[in-house]
Amino acid sequence: WQGPPFIVFFFYYLLTLLGGVTMLMALRP
């Protein structure tokens, strides 16, 4: 977590874990 690449990949996969479904939910916190 001290390096930006891991942080970027972690949150990218969390956002896209179920593709558009997780993106839809992320837009309505």
ModelCIF file with pLDDT and N, C-alpha, C, O atoms, coordinates in Angstrom:
data_MODEL
#
_entry.id   MODEL 
#
_entity.id                         1 
_entity.type                       polymer 
_entity.pdbx_number_of_molecules   1 
#
_entity_poly.entity_id                      1 
_entity_poly.type                           'polypeptide(L)' 
_entity_poly.nstd_linkage                   no 
_entity_poly.nstd_monomer                   no 
_entity_poly.pdbx_seq_one_letter_code       WQGPPFIVFFFYYLLTLLGGVTMLMALRP 
_entity_poly.pdbx_seq_one_letter_code_can   WQGPPFIVFFFYYLLTLLGGVTMLMALRP 
_entity_poly.pdbx_strand_id                 A 
#
loop_
_entity_poly_seq.entity_id 
_entity_poly_seq.num 
_entity_poly_seq.mon_id 
_entity_poly_seq.hetero 
1 1  TRP n 
1 2  GLN n 
1 3  GLY n 
1 4  PRO n 
1 5  PRO n 
1 6  PHE n 
1 7  ILE n 
1 8  VAL n 
1 9  PHE n 
1 10 PHE n 
1 11 PHE n 
1 12 TYR n 
1 13 TYR n 
1 14 LEU n 
1 15 LEU n 
1 16 THR n 
1 17 LEU n 
1 18 LEU n 
1 19 GLY n 
1 20 GLY n 
1 21 VAL n 
1 22 THR n 
1 23 MET n 
1 24 LEU n 
1 25 MET n 
1 26 ALA n 
1 27 LEU n 
1 28 ARG n 
1 29 PRO n 
#
_struct_asym.id          A 
_struct_asym.entity_id   1 
#
loop_
_ma_qa_metric.id 
_ma_qa_metric.mode 
_ma_qa_metric.name 
_ma_qa_metric.software_group_id 
_ma_qa_metric.type 
1 global pLDDT . pLDDT 
2 local  pLDDT . pLDDT 
#
_ma_qa_metric_global.metric_id      1 
_ma_qa_metric_global.metric_value   95.34 
_ma_qa_metric_global.model_id       1 
_ma_qa_metric_global.ordinal_id     1 
#
loop_
_ma_qa_metric_local.label_asym_id 
_ma_qa_metric_local.label_comp_id 
_ma_qa_metric_local.label_seq_id 
_ma_qa_metric_local.metric_id 
_ma_qa_metric_local.metric_value 
_ma_qa_metric_local.model_id 
_ma_qa_metric_local.ordinal_id 
A TRP 1  2 94.00 1 1  
A GLN 2  2 91.00 1 2  
A GLY 3  2 89.00 1 3  
A PRO 4  2 93.00 1 4  
A PRO 5  2 93.00 1 5  
A PHE 6  2 95.00 1 6  
A ILE 7  2 96.00 1 7  
A VAL 8  2 96.00 1 8  
A PHE 9  2 96.00 1 9  
A PHE 10 2 96.00 1 10 
A PHE 11 2 97.00 1 11 
A TYR 12 2 97.00 1 12 
A TYR 13 2 97.00 1 13 
A LEU 14 2 96.00 1 14 
A LEU 15 2 97.00 1 15 
A THR 16 2 96.00 1 16 
A LEU 17 2 96.00 1 17 
A LEU 18 2 96.00 1 18 
A GLY 19 2 95.00 1 19 
A GLY 20 2 95.00 1 20 
A VAL 21 2 97.00 1 21 
A THR 22 2 97.00 1 22 
A MET 23 2 97.00 1 23 
A LEU 24 2 96.00 1 24 
A MET 25 2 96.00 1 25 
A ALA 26 2 96.00 1 26 
A LEU 27 2 95.00 1 27 
A ARG 28 2 95.00 1 28 
A PRO 29 2 95.00 1 29 
#
loop_
_atom_site.group_PDB 
_atom_site.id 
_atom_site.type_symbol 
_atom_site.label_atom_id 
_atom_site.label_alt_id 
_atom_site.label_comp_id 
_atom_site.label_asym_id 
_atom_site.label_entity_id 
_atom_site.label_seq_id 
_atom_site.pdbx_PDB_ins_code 
_atom_site.Cartn_x 
_atom_site.Cartn_y 
_atom_site.Cartn_z 
_atom_site.occupancy 
_atom_site.B_iso_or_equiv 
_atom_site.pdbx_formal_charge 
_atom_site.auth_seq_id 
_atom_site.auth_comp_id 
_atom_site.auth_asym_id 
_atom_site.auth_atom_id 
_atom_site.pdbx_PDB_model_num 
ATOM 1   N N  . TRP A 1 1  ? 0.814   -1.213 0.000   1.00 94.00 ? 1  TRP A N  1 
ATOM 2   C CA . TRP A 1 1  ? 0.000   0.000  0.000   1.00 94.00 ? 1  TRP A CA 1 
ATOM 3   C C  . TRP A 1 1  ? 0.852   1.269  0.000   1.00 94.00 ? 1  TRP A C  1 
ATOM 4   O O  . TRP A 1 1  ? 0.318   2.369  -0.144  1.00 94.00 ? 1  TRP A O  1 
ATOM 5   N N  . GLN A 1 2  ? 2.144   1.132  0.157   1.00 91.00 ? 2  GLN A N  1 
ATOM 6   C CA . GLN A 1 2  ? 3.014   2.299  0.122   1.00 91.00 ? 2  GLN A CA 1 
ATOM 7   C C  . GLN A 1 2  ? 3.257   2.790  -1.300  1.00 91.00 ? 2  GLN A C  1 
ATOM 8   O O  . GLN A 1 2  ? 3.747   3.901  -1.500  1.00 91.00 ? 2  GLN A O  1 
ATOM 9   N N  . GLY A 1 3  ? 2.917   1.968  -2.287  1.00 89.00 ? 3  GLY A N  1 
ATOM 10  C CA . GLY A 1 3  ? 3.123   2.344  -3.677  1.00 89.00 ? 3  GLY A CA 1 
ATOM 11  C C  . GLY A 1 3  ? 1.810   2.588  -4.399  1.00 89.00 ? 3  GLY A C  1 
ATOM 12  O O  . GLY A 1 3  ? 0.853   1.845  -4.182  1.00 89.00 ? 3  GLY A O  1 
ATOM 13  N N  . PRO A 1 4  ? 1.731   3.600  -5.248  1.00 93.00 ? 4  PRO A N  1 
ATOM 14  C CA . PRO A 1 4  ? 0.488   3.914  -5.983  1.00 93.00 ? 4  PRO A CA 1 
ATOM 15  C C  . PRO A 1 4  ? -0.050  2.773  -6.848  1.00 93.00 ? 4  PRO A C  1 
ATOM 16  O O  . PRO A 1 4  ? -1.269  2.614  -6.913  1.00 93.00 ? 4  PRO A O  1 
ATOM 17  N N  . PRO A 1 5  ? 0.791   1.959  -7.524  1.00 93.00 ? 5  PRO A N  1 
ATOM 18  C CA . PRO A 1 5  ? 0.221   0.921  -8.401  1.00 93.00 ? 5  PRO A CA 1 
ATOM 19  C C  . PRO A 1 5  ? -0.740  -0.023 -7.682  1.00 93.00 ? 5  PRO A C  1 
ATOM 20  O O  . PRO A 1 5  ? -1.822  -0.309 -8.195  1.00 93.00 ? 5  PRO A O  1 
ATOM 21  N N  . PHE A 1 6  ? -0.359  -0.507 -6.506  1.00 95.00 ? 6  PHE A N  1 
ATOM 22  C CA . PHE A 1 6  ? -1.238  -1.431 -5.794  1.00 95.00 ? 6  PHE A CA 1 
ATOM 23  C C  . PHE A 1 6  ? -2.548  -0.749 -5.415  1.00 95.00 ? 6  PHE A C  1 
ATOM 24  O O  . PHE A 1 6  ? -3.615  -1.353 -5.523  1.00 95.00 ? 6  PHE A O  1 
ATOM 25  N N  . ILE A 1 7  ? -2.476  0.494  -4.977  1.00 96.00 ? 7  ILE A N  1 
ATOM 26  C CA . ILE A 1 7  ? -3.684  1.230  -4.587  1.00 96.00 ? 7  ILE A CA 1 
ATOM 27  C C  . ILE A 1 7  ? -4.617  1.384  -5.785  1.00 96.00 ? 7  ILE A C  1 
ATOM 28  O O  . ILE A 1 7  ? -5.826  1.181  -5.671  1.00 96.00 ? 7  ILE A O  1 
ATOM 29  N N  . VAL A 1 8  ? -4.046  1.745  -6.935  1.00 96.00 ? 8  VAL A N  1 
ATOM 30  C CA . VAL A 1 8  ? -4.855  1.932  -8.144  1.00 96.00 ? 8  VAL A CA 1 
ATOM 31  C C  . VAL A 1 8  ? -5.521  0.625  -8.546  1.00 96.00 ? 8  VAL A C  1 
ATOM 32  O O  . VAL A 1 8  ? -6.720  0.592  -8.825  1.00 96.00 ? 8  VAL A O  1 
ATOM 33  N N  . PHE A 1 9  ? -4.739  -0.454 -8.576  1.00 96.00 ? 9  PHE A N  1 
ATOM 34  C CA . PHE A 1 9  ? -5.305  -1.749 -8.973  1.00 96.00 ? 9  PHE A CA 1 
ATOM 35  C C  . PHE A 1 9  ? -6.351  -2.212 -7.972  1.00 96.00 ? 9  PHE A C  1 
ATOM 36  O O  . PHE A 1 9  ? -7.376  -2.764 -8.372  1.00 96.00 ? 9  PHE A O  1 
ATOM 37  N N  . PHE A 1 10 ? -6.120  -2.001 -6.683  1.00 96.00 ? 10 PHE A N  1 
ATOM 38  C CA . PHE A 1 10 ? -7.061  -2.456 -5.660  1.00 96.00 ? 10 PHE A CA 1 
ATOM 39  C C  . PHE A 1 10 ? -8.428  -1.815 -5.867  1.00 96.00 ? 10 PHE A C  1 
ATOM 40  O O  . PHE A 1 10 ? -9.449  -2.502 -5.873  1.00 96.00 ? 10 PHE A O  1 
ATOM 41  N N  . PHE A 1 11 ? -8.440  -0.506 -6.034  1.00 97.00 ? 11 PHE A N  1 
ATOM 42  C CA . PHE A 1 11 ? -9.721  0.186  -6.166  1.00 97.00 ? 11 PHE A CA 1 
ATOM 43  C C  . PHE A 1 11 ? -10.325 0.020  -7.560  1.00 97.00 ? 11 PHE A C  1 
ATOM 44  O O  . PHE A 1 11 ? -11.544 0.082  -7.719  1.00 97.00 ? 11 PHE A O  1 
ATOM 45  N N  . TYR A 1 12 ? -9.480  -0.191 -8.567  1.00 97.00 ? 12 TYR A N  1 
ATOM 46  C CA . TYR A 1 12 ? -10.024 -0.481 -9.898  1.00 97.00 ? 12 TYR A CA 1 
ATOM 47  C C  . TYR A 1 12 ? -10.802 -1.787 -9.871  1.00 97.00 ? 12 TYR A C  1 
ATOM 48  O O  . TYR A 1 12 ? -11.930 -1.850 -10.361 1.00 97.00 ? 12 TYR A O  1 
ATOM 49  N N  . TYR A 1 13 ? -10.212 -2.822 -9.305  1.00 97.00 ? 13 TYR A N  1 
ATOM 50  C CA . TYR A 1 13 ? -10.901 -4.117 -9.269  1.00 97.00 ? 13 TYR A CA 1 
ATOM 51  C C  . TYR A 1 13 ? -12.110 -4.087 -8.343  1.00 97.00 ? 13 TYR A C  1 
ATOM 52  O O  . TYR A 1 13 ? -13.102 -4.767 -8.607  1.00 97.00 ? 13 TYR A O  1 
ATOM 53  N N  . LEU A 1 14 ? -12.047 -3.315 -7.266  1.00 96.00 ? 14 LEU A N  1 
ATOM 54  C CA . LEU A 1 14 ? -13.205 -3.195 -6.387  1.00 96.00 ? 14 LEU A CA 1 
ATOM 55  C C  . LEU A 1 14 ? -14.361 -2.523 -7.124  1.00 96.00 ? 14 LEU A C  1 
ATOM 56  O O  . LEU A 1 14 ? -15.520 -2.902 -6.951  1.00 96.00 ? 14 LEU A O  1 
ATOM 57  N N  . LEU A 1 15 ? -14.040 -1.528 -7.944  1.00 97.00 ? 15 LEU A N  1 
ATOM 58  C CA . LEU A 1 15 ? -15.060 -0.815 -8.702  1.00 97.00 ? 15 LEU A CA 1 
ATOM 59  C C  . LEU A 1 15 ? -15.651 -1.675 -9.806  1.00 97.00 ? 15 LEU A C  1 
ATOM 60  O O  . LEU A 1 15 ? -16.845 -1.585 -10.089 1.00 97.00 ? 15 LEU A O  1 
ATOM 61  N N  . THR A 1 16 ? -14.828 -2.508 -10.433 1.00 96.00 ? 16 THR A N  1 
ATOM 62  C CA . THR A 1 16 ? -15.259 -3.280 -11.609 1.00 96.00 ? 16 THR A CA 1 
ATOM 63  C C  . THR A 1 16 ? -15.460 -4.753 -11.295 1.00 96.00 ? 16 THR A C  1 
ATOM 64  O O  . THR A 1 16 ? -15.543 -5.572 -12.211 1.00 96.00 ? 16 THR A O  1 
ATOM 65  N N  . LEU A 1 17 ? -15.540 -5.103 -10.023 1.00 96.00 ? 17 LEU A N  1 
ATOM 66  C CA . LEU A 1 17 ? -15.609 -6.511 -9.632  1.00 96.00 ? 17 LEU A CA 1 
ATOM 67  C C  . LEU A 1 17 ? -16.739 -7.248 -10.334 1.00 96.00 ? 17 LEU A C  1 
ATOM 68  O O  . LEU A 1 17 ? -16.556 -8.368 -10.810 1.00 96.00 ? 17 LEU A O  1 
ATOM 69  N N  . LEU A 1 18 ? -17.909 -6.617 -10.398 1.00 96.00 ? 18 LEU A N  1 
ATOM 70  C CA . LEU A 1 18 ? -19.048 -7.160 -11.143 1.00 96.00 ? 18 LEU A CA 1 
ATOM 71  C C  . LEU A 1 18 ? -19.403 -6.211 -12.290 1.00 96.00 ? 18 LEU A C  1 
ATOM 72  O O  . LEU A 1 18 ? -20.578 -5.985 -12.579 1.00 96.00 ? 18 LEU A O  1 
ATOM 73  N N  . GLY A 1 19 ? -18.399 -5.675 -12.921 1.00 95.00 ? 19 GLY A N  1 
ATOM 74  C CA . GLY A 1 19 ? -18.617 -4.829 -14.085 1.00 95.00 ? 19 GLY A CA 1 
ATOM 75  C C  . GLY A 1 19 ? -19.530 -3.657 -13.787 1.00 95.00 ? 19 GLY A C  1 
ATOM 76  O O  . GLY A 1 19 ? -19.324 -2.924 -12.820 1.00 95.00 ? 19 GLY A O  1 
ATOM 77  N N  . GLY A 1 20 ? -20.545 -3.486 -14.629 1.00 95.00 ? 20 GLY A N  1 
ATOM 78  C CA . GLY A 1 20 ? -21.455 -2.368 -14.495 1.00 95.00 ? 20 GLY A CA 1 
ATOM 79  C C  . GLY A 1 20 ? -22.280 -2.377 -13.228 1.00 95.00 ? 20 GLY A C  1 
ATOM 80  O O  . GLY A 1 20 ? -22.705 -1.315 -12.773 1.00 95.00 ? 20 GLY A O  1 
ATOM 81  N N  . VAL A 1 21 ? -22.521 -3.534 -12.644 1.00 97.00 ? 21 VAL A N  1 
ATOM 82  C CA . VAL A 1 21 ? -23.321 -3.610 -11.419 1.00 97.00 ? 21 VAL A CA 1 
ATOM 83  C C  . VAL A 1 21 ? -22.627 -2.888 -10.275 1.00 97.00 ? 21 VAL A C  1 
ATOM 84  O O  . VAL A 1 21 ? -23.249 -2.074 -9.592  1.00 97.00 ? 21 VAL A O  1 
ATOM 85  N N  . THR A 1 22 ? -21.348 -3.171 -10.055 1.00 97.00 ? 22 THR A N  1 
ATOM 86  C CA . THR A 1 22 ? -20.636 -2.495 -8.974  1.00 97.00 ? 22 THR A CA 1 
ATOM 87  C C  . THR A 1 22 ? -20.433 -1.017 -9.292  1.00 97.00 ? 22 THR A C  1 
ATOM 88  O O  . THR A 1 22 ? -20.387 -0.189 -8.382  1.00 97.00 ? 22 THR A O  1 
ATOM 89  N N  . MET A 1 23 ? -20.311 -0.679 -10.577 1.00 97.00 ? 23 MET A N  1 
ATOM 90  C CA . MET A 1 23 ? -20.195 0.733  -10.950 1.00 97.00 ? 23 MET A CA 1 
ATOM 91  C C  . MET A 1 23 ? -21.493 1.476  -10.649 1.00 97.00 ? 23 MET A C  1 
ATOM 92  O O  . MET A 1 23 ? -21.458 2.587  -10.120 1.00 97.00 ? 23 MET A O  1 
ATOM 93  N N  . LEU A 1 24 ? -22.623 0.885  -10.974 1.00 96.00 ? 24 LEU A N  1 
ATOM 94  C CA . LEU A 1 24 ? -23.916 1.508  -10.676 1.00 96.00 ? 24 LEU A CA 1 
ATOM 95  C C  . LEU A 1 24 ? -24.055 1.788  -9.184  1.00 96.00 ? 24 LEU A C  1 
ATOM 96  O O  . LEU A 1 24 ? -24.472 2.876  -8.787  1.00 96.00 ? 24 LEU A O  1 
ATOM 97  N N  . MET A 1 25 ? -23.707 0.810  -8.365  1.00 96.00 ? 25 MET A N  1 
ATOM 98  C CA . MET A 1 25 ? -23.865 0.985  -6.928  1.00 96.00 ? 25 MET A CA 1 
ATOM 99  C C  . MET A 1 25 ? -22.888 2.023  -6.389  1.00 96.00 ? 25 MET A C  1 
ATOM 100 O O  . MET A 1 25 ? -23.219 2.773  -5.470  1.00 96.00 ? 25 MET A O  1 
ATOM 101 N N  . ALA A 1 26 ? -21.679 2.069  -6.964  1.00 96.00 ? 26 ALA A N  1 
ATOM 102 C CA . ALA A 1 26 ? -20.689 3.044  -6.509  1.00 96.00 ? 26 ALA A CA 1 
ATOM 103 C C  . ALA A 1 26 ? -21.151 4.470  -6.770  1.00 96.00 ? 26 ALA A C  1 
ATOM 104 O O  . ALA A 1 26 ? -20.762 5.395  -6.057  1.00 96.00 ? 26 ALA A O  1 
ATOM 105 N N  . LEU A 1 27 ? -21.980 4.644  -7.790  1.00 95.00 ? 27 LEU A N  1 
ATOM 106 C CA . LEU A 1 27 ? -22.480 5.980  -8.125  1.00 95.00 ? 27 LEU A CA 1 
ATOM 107 C C  . LEU A 1 27 ? -23.628 6.427  -7.226  1.00 95.00 ? 27 LEU A C  1 
ATOM 108 O O  . LEU A 1 27 ? -24.042 7.585  -7.277  1.00 95.00 ? 27 LEU A O  1 
ATOM 109 N N  . ARG A 1 28 ? -24.138 5.524  -6.411  1.00 95.00 ? 28 ARG A N  1 
ATOM 110 C CA . ARG A 1 28 ? -25.212 5.878  -5.473  1.00 95.00 ? 28 ARG A CA 1 
ATOM 111 C C  . ARG A 1 28 ? -24.804 5.474  -4.049  1.00 95.00 ? 28 ARG A C  1 
ATOM 112 O O  . ARG A 1 28 ? -25.438 4.611  -3.441  1.00 95.00 ? 28 ARG A O  1 
ATOM 113 N N  . PRO A 1 29 ? -23.746 6.100  -3.522  1.00 95.00 ? 29 PRO A N  1 
ATOM 114 C CA . PRO A 1 29 ? -23.256 5.722  -2.190  1.00 95.00 ? 29 PRO A CA 1 
ATOM 115 C C  . PRO A 1 29 ? -24.294 5.885  -1.089  1.00 95.00 ? 29 PRO A C  1 
ATOM 116 O O  . PRO A 1 29 ? -24.009 5.602  0.075   1.00 95.00 ? 29 PRO A O  1 
#
